[in-house]
Amino acid sequence: MKILFYFLIGFLLAFAITSNWDNSTTTKTTSIPELKNPGFKDITSQSGIDYIQHAIYYQIDDQSYLRGELQGLFSGGADAADYDNDGDLDLFVTRLDNTNILYENQEGKFIDISEKVKLNKKTNGNKAKWLDVNNDGWQDLFISTIGDNKDYLFMNYNGEFIEQGSKKGLGESPHLLYGFGIATGDYNNDGYIDIMTSNWDRTTIRDSSKDVHGIMLQNVRGKFNQVESKLSTRMITEQGFGDVSFDSEFADINNDGLLDLLVAADFGNSRLYQNTGEGFADRTDESNFGLDEFGMGITTGDYNNDGLIDVFVTSIYCQEEDCMEGMSGNKFYRNNGNGFDEISEQLGVEDGGWGWETEFFDYDLDGDLDLIMVMGMKEKIMGDHDFTSNALKLWRNDQTVFTDVTEELGLTISGEGRDVIIFDYDNDGDEDIFVVRNGENGVLFENLIL
């Protein structure tokens, strides 16, 4: 009987252990998300996002691009962050000729709360960037401006904003600013987020002025010092006139633990500044960077998962006789560990029309980075070329090439794209897309893959 008893006990224990193992295995299997429709849906009308970026009339003729007062044609920005720490991402958009807007995300619906939180200010706003300036756990807001004499910094105090740019060290410029992209990162590893601004000022070309330029703002415990000259990141063009940079990114290009600075600038002036720990050294030529003739937007990421950061810079692609010389399009810089190989044609991403902002992101959740850019420019600003038939382009990363899947995924939209924000607005685990268009409404695309 004892033998039978122990046999039964052993059998039951074995069955219980096996059942638990099987249940554990089943749980792991069912936790993997089920991929659904590999496409996007325009949900702008039902989302609550309803605004026009500007309503300014610009007279367009063959000489428009040569005049210096048309930076508004290039304008348009937005950024997303959880400003109120409630667990979902809110959206801020700039307007050039009206008050800016903060849309609070309320379970996937966006409500304009700008007046409530004191962000309904007219700033001639262009680009925007959320960052925690003073490490208090609340996202603050930096805004670059066009045709104003200062940029703006709205500090977030428990969900309510106070503009404190001057108090925090931004100051005012004796010249009008033409601010574009805003890069953020802790370049000196002191635990505080620093800022690099861009400033595209066409008037500097006409009078060779060097007074107006982007600035490096070192964050010293929540206040900023302007240090671009000290760190050797002051943008002066090779042609001898002032700054014509559109965008920049901080990224550790050589894996030394220090953030380097990459700048996309017009007329062949893009730069790679390597962080030496004491300052920045211009390594553009020796790194095989800066080959883009008209650098507009920039993004960084490890597209081939080799542990090295690669760089994509948007530019202008136009091959007709009346195009400006050298409009060979976007440049894709593959990091080889000792500089870059430029492989845009090899990957099939050189043609993006008149390019602007860009981002790497994994839209299809397959473990590698895909590539999106926004594009467009007013008709007849240069000959009779059509740069407005599509406002964005998405390429799927297929390892050896990138495949244009814009139309296939339902992302065909006309107009002039100026900014693109990648964020999971509905907290479902996939990344959605918000597109800013110059002089038009913004567009929100929901990712349907989950």
Protein backbone atom coordinates (compact mmCIF):
# COMPACT_ATOMS: atom_id res chain seq x y z
CA MET A 1 0.00 0.00 0.00
CA LYS A 2 2.83 2.40 0.86
CA ILE A 3 4.35 1.89 -2.57
CA LEU A 4 1.02 2.59 -4.24
CA PHE A 5 0.50 5.66 -2.02
CA TYR A 6 3.90 7.17 -2.88
CA PHE A 7 3.37 6.38 -6.56
CA LEU A 8 0.08 8.29 -6.54
CA ILE A 9 1.64 11.26 -4.73
CA GLY A 10 4.52 11.37 -7.21
CA PHE A 11 2.14 11.18 -10.15
CA LEU A 12 0.04 14.08 -8.84
CA LEU A 13 3.12 16.23 -8.18
CA ALA A 14 4.47 15.58 -11.66
CA PHE A 15 1.09 16.44 -13.18
CA ALA A 16 0.91 19.68 -11.19
CA ILE A 17 4.44 20.75 -12.22
CA THR A 18 3.74 19.92 -15.88
CA SER A 19 0.45 21.84 -15.78
CA ASN A 20 2.15 24.89 -14.28
CA TRP A 21 4.90 24.79 -16.93
CA ASP A 22 2.32 24.49 -19.71
CA ASN A 23 0.31 27.40 -18.27
CA SER A 24 3.46 29.52 -18.08
CA THR A 25 4.28 28.73 -21.69
CA THR A 26 0.74 29.56 -22.78
CA THR A 27 0.87 32.89 -20.95
CA LYS A 28 4.07 33.89 -22.74
CA THR A 29 2.61 33.00 -26.11
CA THR A 30 -0.60 34.98 -25.63
CA SER A 31 1.32 38.04 -24.36
CA ILE A 32 2.82 38.62 -27.81
CA PRO A 33 0.74 41.35 -29.50
CA GLU A 34 -1.30 40.33 -32.51
CA LEU A 35 -0.44 42.45 -35.53
CA LYS A 36 -3.48 43.60 -37.46
CA ASN A 37 -3.72 45.97 -40.41
CA PRO A 38 -0.33 47.25 -41.65
CA GLY A 39 -1.62 50.70 -42.51
CA PHE A 40 -2.64 54.14 -41.25
CA LYS A 41 -5.96 55.98 -41.01
CA ASP A 42 -6.53 59.73 -41.10
CA ILE A 43 -8.46 60.44 -37.89
CA THR A 44 -7.94 64.20 -37.73
CA SER A 45 -11.61 65.16 -37.94
CA GLN A 46 -12.67 62.97 -35.00
CA SER A 47 -9.54 63.60 -32.92
CA GLY A 48 -10.38 67.20 -31.99
CA ILE A 49 -7.27 68.66 -33.63
CA ASP A 50 -8.50 71.63 -35.63
CA TYR A 51 -6.23 74.56 -36.47
CA ILE A 52 -4.52 76.36 -39.36
CA GLN A 53 -0.76 76.85 -39.07
CA HIS A 54 -0.94 80.34 -40.59
CA ALA A 55 -3.13 82.39 -42.92
CA ILE A 56 -0.47 84.75 -44.28
CA TYR A 57 -0.51 85.49 -48.00
CA TYR A 58 2.85 85.23 -49.77
CA GLN A 59 3.21 86.48 -53.31
CA ILE A 60 5.05 83.77 -55.22
CA ASP A 61 7.10 84.50 -58.34
CA ASP A 62 10.36 83.38 -59.87
CA GLN A 63 12.38 85.57 -57.49
CA SER A 64 10.62 84.58 -54.26
CA TYR A 65 13.41 82.34 -53.05
CA LEU A 66 15.88 85.21 -53.41
CA ARG A 67 14.01 87.50 -51.03
CA GLY A 68 14.84 87.42 -47.35
CA GLU A 69 11.42 87.96 -45.77
CA LEU A 70 9.83 84.64 -46.69
CA GLN A 71 10.93 82.41 -43.82
CA GLY A 72 7.25 81.96 -43.03
CA LEU A 73 7.03 79.73 -46.10
CA PHE A 74 9.35 77.31 -44.32
CA SER A 75 7.59 77.41 -40.95
CA GLY A 76 5.51 74.94 -38.95
CA GLY A 77 6.14 72.90 -35.83
CA ALA A 78 4.75 70.69 -33.08
CA ASP A 79 5.86 68.31 -30.34
CA ALA A 80 4.26 65.73 -28.05
CA ALA A 81 4.81 64.96 -24.37
CA ASP A 82 2.86 64.05 -21.23
CA TYR A 83 2.73 67.59 -19.85
CA ASP A 84 0.40 66.73 -16.94
CA ASN A 85 1.90 63.33 -16.01
CA ASP A 86 -1.41 61.50 -16.44
CA GLY A 87 0.03 58.69 -18.58
CA ASP A 88 -0.87 59.81 -22.10
CA LEU A 89 0.84 62.08 -24.61
CA ASP A 90 -0.44 65.59 -25.27
CA LEU A 91 0.24 67.66 -28.40
CA PHE A 92 1.50 71.22 -28.74
CA VAL A 93 1.34 73.03 -32.10
CA THR A 94 2.71 76.42 -33.13
CA ARG A 95 0.96 79.05 -35.22
CA LEU A 96 2.90 81.80 -36.94
CA ASP A 97 0.17 84.45 -36.95
CA ASN A 98 -2.00 83.35 -34.05
CA THR A 99 -1.76 81.93 -30.55
CA ASN A 100 -0.14 78.54 -30.07
CA ILE A 101 -2.26 75.58 -28.95
CA LEU A 102 -1.83 72.85 -26.37
CA TYR A 103 -4.13 69.91 -27.02
CA GLU A 104 -4.66 67.79 -23.91
CA ASN A 105 -5.10 64.10 -24.68
CA GLN A 106 -8.22 62.84 -22.93
CA GLU A 107 -8.42 59.12 -23.71
CA GLY A 108 -7.53 59.67 -27.35
CA LYS A 109 -9.55 62.88 -27.83
CA PHE A 110 -7.66 66.19 -28.01
CA ILE A 111 -9.03 69.22 -26.15
CA ASP A 112 -7.65 72.76 -26.55
CA ILE A 113 -6.63 73.80 -23.04
CA SER A 114 -4.18 76.58 -24.02
CA GLU A 115 -6.00 79.30 -22.09
CA LYS A 116 -6.47 77.12 -19.02
CA VAL A 117 -2.73 76.42 -18.67
CA LYS A 118 -1.62 79.88 -19.85
CA LEU A 119 -0.07 78.82 -23.16
CA ASN A 120 -2.43 80.84 -25.37
CA LYS A 121 0.27 83.34 -26.30
CA LYS A 122 1.11 84.68 -29.74
CA THR A 123 4.84 84.11 -30.17
CA ASN A 124 5.42 83.94 -33.94
CA GLY A 125 6.10 80.33 -33.06
CA ASN A 126 7.87 77.97 -35.44
CA LYS A 127 9.40 74.84 -33.86
CA ALA A 128 8.72 73.48 -30.38
CA LYS A 129 10.47 71.06 -28.04
CA TRP A 130 9.44 69.57 -24.72
CA LEU A 131 12.18 69.03 -22.12
CA ASP A 132 12.51 68.95 -18.34
CA VAL A 133 14.73 71.99 -17.76
CA ASN A 134 15.06 71.81 -13.97
CA ASN A 135 14.66 68.05 -13.38
CA ASP A 136 11.47 68.47 -11.37
CA GLY A 137 9.59 65.75 -13.26
CA TRP A 138 7.48 68.15 -15.34
CA GLN A 139 7.99 68.77 -19.05
CA ASP A 140 8.79 72.39 -19.91
CA LEU A 141 8.39 73.91 -23.39
CA PHE A 142 10.91 75.71 -25.63
CA ILE A 143 9.61 77.55 -28.72
CA SER A 144 11.70 79.00 -31.57
CA THR A 145 10.32 82.04 -33.34
CA ILE A 146 10.31 83.72 -36.74
CA GLY A 147 10.39 87.52 -36.82
CA ASP A 148 10.60 87.94 -33.02
CA ASN A 149 13.58 89.11 -31.01
CA LYS A 150 13.57 86.16 -28.62
CA ASP A 151 12.75 82.52 -28.24
CA TYR A 152 10.37 81.44 -25.49
CA LEU A 153 10.71 79.06 -22.56
CA PHE A 154 7.52 78.12 -20.71
CA MET A 155 8.26 76.47 -17.39
CA ASN A 156 5.77 73.84 -16.26
CA TYR A 157 4.75 74.15 -12.60
CA ASN A 158 2.43 71.26 -11.77
CA GLY A 159 0.63 71.56 -15.10
CA GLU A 160 0.50 75.35 -15.35
CA PHE A 161 2.96 77.35 -17.45
CA ILE A 162 4.89 80.57 -16.85
CA GLU A 163 7.10 82.12 -19.56
CA GLN A 164 10.56 82.57 -18.01
CA GLY A 165 12.96 82.71 -20.97
CA SER A 166 14.71 85.88 -19.84
CA LYS A 167 14.87 84.70 -16.23
CA LYS A 168 16.39 81.40 -17.34
CA GLY A 169 19.12 83.02 -19.45
CA LEU A 170 17.71 83.14 -22.99
CA GLY A 171 17.73 86.92 -23.16
CA GLU A 172 16.63 89.08 -26.07
CA SER A 173 18.41 89.64 -29.37
CA PRO A 174 18.97 93.09 -30.92
CA HIS A 175 18.08 91.39 -34.23
CA LEU A 176 15.01 89.53 -35.37
CA LEU A 177 15.36 85.76 -35.00
CA TYR A 178 14.45 83.19 -37.64
CA GLY A 179 14.51 80.11 -35.46
CA PHE A 180 14.01 76.60 -36.78
CA GLY A 181 15.00 73.20 -35.35
CA ILE A 182 15.72 72.66 -31.65
CA ALA A 183 18.12 69.93 -30.51
CA THR A 184 18.14 68.76 -26.89
CA GLY A 185 20.63 66.54 -25.06
CA ASP A 186 23.05 66.45 -22.13
CA TYR A 187 26.26 67.16 -24.05
CA ASN A 188 28.44 67.52 -20.91
CA ASN A 189 26.93 64.63 -18.89
CA ASP A 190 26.05 66.79 -15.88
CA GLY A 191 22.49 65.49 -15.61
CA TYR A 192 20.80 68.54 -17.17
CA ILE A 193 19.40 68.83 -20.70
CA ASP A 194 21.14 71.37 -22.95
CA ILE A 195 19.76 73.03 -26.10
CA MET A 196 21.06 73.88 -29.58
CA THR A 197 18.98 76.19 -31.74
CA SER A 198 19.07 76.75 -35.52
CA ASN A 199 18.61 80.06 -37.30
CA TRP A 200 18.02 80.32 -41.06
CA ASP A 201 18.34 83.98 -41.98
CA ARG A 202 18.40 84.70 -45.69
CA THR A 203 19.17 88.38 -45.07
CA THR A 204 22.65 87.41 -43.86
CA ILE A 205 23.43 86.27 -47.39
CA ARG A 206 22.58 89.66 -48.86
CA ASP A 207 24.60 91.79 -46.42
CA SER A 208 27.16 89.22 -45.15
CA SER A 209 25.94 89.71 -41.59
CA LYS A 210 27.18 87.21 -38.99
CA ASP A 211 25.32 88.64 -36.01
CA VAL A 212 22.25 86.40 -36.08
CA HIS A 213 22.90 82.70 -35.55
CA GLY A 214 21.81 79.59 -33.70
CA ILE A 215 23.00 79.27 -30.12
CA MET A 216 24.19 76.51 -27.81
CA LEU A 217 22.52 76.84 -24.41
CA GLN A 218 24.33 75.07 -21.58
CA ASN A 219 21.92 74.11 -18.83
CA VAL A 220 23.47 74.90 -15.44
CA ARG A 221 21.07 73.55 -12.81
CA GLY A 222 18.00 74.90 -14.58
CA LYS A 223 19.43 78.11 -16.03
CA PHE A 224 21.11 78.58 -19.39
CA ASN A 225 24.41 80.07 -20.54
CA GLN A 226 25.10 80.82 -24.21
CA VAL A 227 28.31 78.93 -25.00
CA GLU A 228 28.41 78.34 -28.77
CA SER A 229 31.55 80.44 -29.25
CA LYS A 230 33.32 78.86 -26.28
CA LEU A 231 32.52 75.34 -27.51
CA SER A 232 33.24 76.12 -31.21
CA THR A 233 29.73 75.27 -32.40
CA ARG A 234 29.04 78.76 -33.76
CA MET A 235 27.65 78.28 -37.27
CA ILE A 236 29.47 80.44 -39.83
CA THR A 237 29.04 79.39 -43.43
CA GLU A 238 31.88 78.50 -45.77
CA GLN A 239 30.66 81.26 -48.09
CA GLY A 240 31.36 83.88 -45.43
CA PHE A 241 27.83 84.89 -44.49
CA GLY A 242 25.82 84.02 -41.37
CA ASP A 243 23.89 81.00 -40.17
CA VAL A 244 21.57 79.12 -42.54
CA SER A 245 20.95 76.03 -40.43
CA PHE A 246 17.52 74.39 -40.38
CA ASP A 247 17.87 71.53 -37.90
CA SER A 248 20.29 69.68 -35.62
CA GLU A 249 20.58 66.54 -33.50
CA PHE A 250 22.68 65.42 -30.56
CA ALA A 251 23.95 61.83 -30.97
CA ASP A 252 26.94 59.76 -29.85
CA ILE A 253 28.46 59.01 -33.24
CA ASN A 254 31.67 57.31 -32.05
CA ASN A 255 30.35 55.51 -28.95
CA ASP A 256 32.64 57.36 -26.52
CA GLY A 257 29.84 58.28 -24.11
CA LEU A 258 29.71 61.93 -25.27
CA LEU A 259 26.97 63.45 -27.40
CA ASP A 260 28.21 64.92 -30.67
CA LEU A 261 26.32 67.58 -32.63
CA LEU A 262 25.10 67.17 -36.22
CA VAL A 263 23.68 70.17 -38.09
CA ALA A 264 21.60 70.22 -41.29
CA ALA A 265 22.22 73.53 -43.05
CA ASP A 266 21.46 75.08 -46.40
CA PHE A 267 23.83 75.69 -49.35
CA GLY A 268 26.28 72.91 -48.49
CA ASN A 269 26.92 73.98 -44.89
CA SER A 270 25.84 70.91 -42.88
CA ARG A 271 28.28 70.10 -40.08
CA LEU A 272 29.47 67.33 -37.77
CA TYR A 273 30.88 68.63 -34.51
CA GLN A 274 32.61 65.93 -32.46
CA ASN A 275 32.42 66.29 -28.70
CA THR A 276 35.96 66.13 -27.28
CA GLY A 277 34.95 66.55 -23.66
CA GLU A 278 36.45 70.04 -23.61
CA GLY A 279 34.48 71.42 -26.53
CA PHE A 280 33.51 70.49 -30.07
CA ALA A 281 35.78 69.92 -33.08
CA ASP A 282 34.59 70.21 -36.67
CA ARG A 283 35.01 66.73 -38.18
CA THR A 284 32.74 67.28 -41.20
CA ASP A 285 35.21 66.68 -44.02
CA GLU A 286 37.23 63.86 -42.49
CA SER A 287 34.02 61.99 -41.56
CA ASN A 288 32.59 62.25 -45.11
CA PHE A 289 29.64 64.22 -43.76
CA GLY A 290 28.01 67.37 -45.14
CA LEU A 291 27.56 66.10 -48.70
CA ASP A 292 23.96 67.36 -48.88
CA GLU A 293 23.69 70.55 -50.91
CA PHE A 294 20.54 71.90 -49.21
CA GLY A 295 20.30 70.32 -45.76
CA MET A 296 16.81 70.77 -44.27
CA GLY A 297 15.97 68.07 -41.72
CA ILE A 298 18.01 65.50 -39.82
CA THR A 299 17.44 62.31 -37.84
CA THR A 300 19.75 59.76 -36.24
CA GLY A 301 19.36 56.05 -35.47
CA ASP A 302 20.91 52.61 -35.89
CA TYR A 303 19.06 51.47 -39.01
CA ASN A 304 21.06 48.22 -39.48
CA ASN A 305 21.36 47.26 -35.79
CA ASP A 306 25.16 47.17 -35.82
CA GLY A 307 25.56 49.30 -32.68
CA LEU A 308 26.56 52.46 -34.59
CA ILE A 309 24.43 55.57 -35.05
CA ASP A 310 23.58 56.41 -38.67
CA VAL A 311 22.33 59.77 -39.99
CA PHE A 312 19.74 60.82 -42.58
CA VAL A 313 19.60 64.39 -43.90
CA THR A 314 16.79 65.66 -46.13
CA SER A 315 17.52 67.99 -49.00
CA ILE A 316 16.03 68.93 -52.41
CA TYR A 317 15.76 66.54 -55.34
CA CYS A 318 15.25 68.24 -58.69
CA GLN A 319 16.89 67.08 -61.90
CA GLU A 320 15.29 69.32 -64.55
CA GLU A 321 17.20 71.95 -66.52
CA ASP A 322 15.75 74.90 -64.60
CA CYS A 323 16.60 73.45 -61.17
CA MET A 324 19.40 74.94 -59.15
CA GLU A 325 22.75 73.24 -59.52
CA GLY A 326 23.43 70.28 -57.26
CA MET A 327 19.91 69.32 -56.23
CA SER A 328 20.85 65.64 -55.86
CA GLY A 329 18.47 64.96 -52.97
CA ASN A 330 18.65 63.41 -49.52
CA LYS A 331 21.80 61.90 -48.05
CA PHE A 332 21.97 58.73 -45.96
CA TYR A 333 25.15 58.45 -43.90
CA ARG A 334 25.91 54.89 -42.80
CA ASN A 335 28.30 54.85 -39.84
CA ASN A 336 31.30 52.60 -40.58
CA GLY A 337 32.98 53.14 -37.22
CA ASN A 338 35.51 55.57 -38.64
CA GLY A 339 33.23 58.02 -40.41
CA PHE A 340 30.37 57.64 -42.86
CA ASP A 341 29.55 55.98 -46.17
CA GLU A 342 26.95 57.97 -48.12
CA ILE A 343 24.47 55.36 -49.47
CA SER A 344 21.22 57.21 -50.27
CA GLU A 345 21.03 55.92 -53.87
CA GLN A 346 21.94 52.40 -52.80
CA LEU A 347 19.08 52.40 -50.27
CA GLY A 348 16.67 54.20 -52.62
CA VAL A 349 15.95 57.23 -50.42
CA GLU A 350 17.52 60.10 -52.35
CA ASP A 351 14.27 61.38 -53.91
CA GLY A 352 12.09 63.13 -51.35
CA GLY A 353 11.16 66.15 -53.45
CA TRP A 354 11.65 69.31 -51.39
CA GLY A 355 12.47 67.76 -48.02
CA TRP A 356 11.97 69.03 -44.49
CA GLU A 357 11.75 67.23 -41.15
CA THR A 358 12.40 63.51 -40.81
CA GLU A 359 12.37 60.70 -38.23
CA PHE A 360 13.52 57.10 -37.84
CA PHE A 361 10.86 54.89 -36.19
CA ASP A 362 9.70 51.27 -36.26
CA TYR A 363 6.17 51.64 -37.63
CA ASP A 364 5.67 47.89 -38.29
CA LEU A 365 7.21 46.59 -35.03
CA ASP A 366 9.62 44.27 -36.82
CA GLY A 367 12.70 45.36 -34.85
CA ASP A 368 14.36 47.71 -37.35
CA LEU A 369 14.02 51.40 -38.01
CA ASP A 370 11.91 52.67 -40.89
CA LEU A 371 12.18 56.20 -42.25
CA ILE A 372 9.68 59.01 -42.69
CA MET A 373 10.09 62.55 -43.99
CA VAL A 374 7.78 65.47 -44.74
CA MET A 375 8.15 67.47 -47.92
CA GLY A 376 6.76 70.25 -50.09
CA MET A 377 7.21 73.82 -51.31
CA LYS A 378 4.95 76.40 -52.95
CA GLU A 379 4.42 76.04 -56.69
CA LYS A 380 6.50 78.27 -58.93
CA ILE A 381 8.98 79.15 -56.19
CA MET A 382 11.41 77.49 -58.57
CA GLY A 383 10.28 77.07 -62.15
CA ASP A 384 7.12 75.06 -62.74
CA HIS A 385 8.00 72.07 -60.57
CA ASP A 386 5.33 70.39 -58.47
CA PHE A 387 6.57 70.02 -54.91
CA THR A 388 3.12 69.87 -53.27
CA SER A 389 1.47 66.68 -54.58
CA ASN A 390 2.52 64.72 -51.48
CA ALA A 391 3.35 66.10 -48.04
CA LEU A 392 5.17 63.05 -46.68
CA LYS A 393 6.95 59.85 -47.61
CA LEU A 394 7.45 56.66 -45.61
CA TRP A 395 10.07 54.06 -46.48
CA ARG A 396 10.00 50.56 -44.96
CA ASN A 397 13.38 49.19 -43.91
CA ASP A 398 13.95 46.01 -45.92
CA GLN A 399 17.56 45.58 -44.77
CA THR A 400 19.45 46.18 -48.03
CA VAL A 401 17.00 48.76 -49.40
CA PHE A 402 14.21 51.03 -48.18
CA THR A 403 10.86 50.54 -49.92
CA ASP A 404 8.43 53.43 -50.47
CA VAL A 405 5.17 52.28 -48.83
CA THR A 406 3.48 55.69 -48.54
CA GLU A 407 0.53 54.97 -50.81
CA GLU A 408 0.25 51.34 -49.74
CA LEU A 409 -0.17 52.38 -46.10
CA GLY A 410 -2.75 55.09 -46.77
CA LEU A 411 -0.46 58.06 -46.13
CA THR A 412 -1.04 59.94 -49.37
CA ILE A 413 -1.75 63.57 -48.51
CA SER A 414 -1.08 66.75 -50.48
CA GLY A 415 0.38 70.02 -49.26
CA GLU A 416 3.63 71.21 -47.77
CA GLY A 417 4.82 69.11 -44.86
CA ARG A 418 7.03 70.96 -42.40
CA ASP A 419 7.20 68.82 -39.27
CA VAL A 420 6.43 65.23 -38.33
CA ILE A 421 5.79 63.98 -34.79
CA ILE A 422 5.94 60.28 -33.97
CA PHE A 423 4.01 59.36 -30.82
CA ASP A 424 1.65 56.70 -29.50
CA TYR A 425 -1.37 58.93 -28.93
CA ASP A 426 -3.76 56.09 -28.00
CA ASN A 427 -1.36 54.01 -25.85
CA ASP A 428 -1.94 50.85 -27.89
CA GLY A 429 1.74 50.01 -28.39
CA ASP A 430 2.33 51.24 -31.95
CA GLU A 431 3.54 54.63 -33.16
CA ASP A 432 1.15 57.12 -34.75
CA ILE A 433 2.02 60.08 -37.00
CA PHE A 434 1.18 63.77 -36.79
CA VAL A 435 2.05 65.94 -39.81
CA VAL A 436 2.37 69.73 -39.71
CA ARG A 437 1.60 71.47 -43.01
CA ASN A 438 2.56 75.03 -43.87
CA GLY A 439 -0.51 77.27 -44.11
CA GLU A 440 -2.91 74.36 -43.61
CA ASN A 441 -4.30 72.09 -40.92
CA GLY A 442 -2.25 69.40 -39.24
CA VAL A 443 -3.09 65.75 -39.91
CA LEU A 444 -3.15 62.85 -37.42
CA PHE A 445 -2.69 59.31 -38.76
CA GLU A 446 -3.51 56.39 -36.50
CA ASN A 447 -1.32 53.31 -36.88
CA LEU A 448 -3.63 50.31 -37.30
CA ILE A 449 -1.09 47.54 -36.86
CA LEU A 450 -2.19 46.90 -33.24
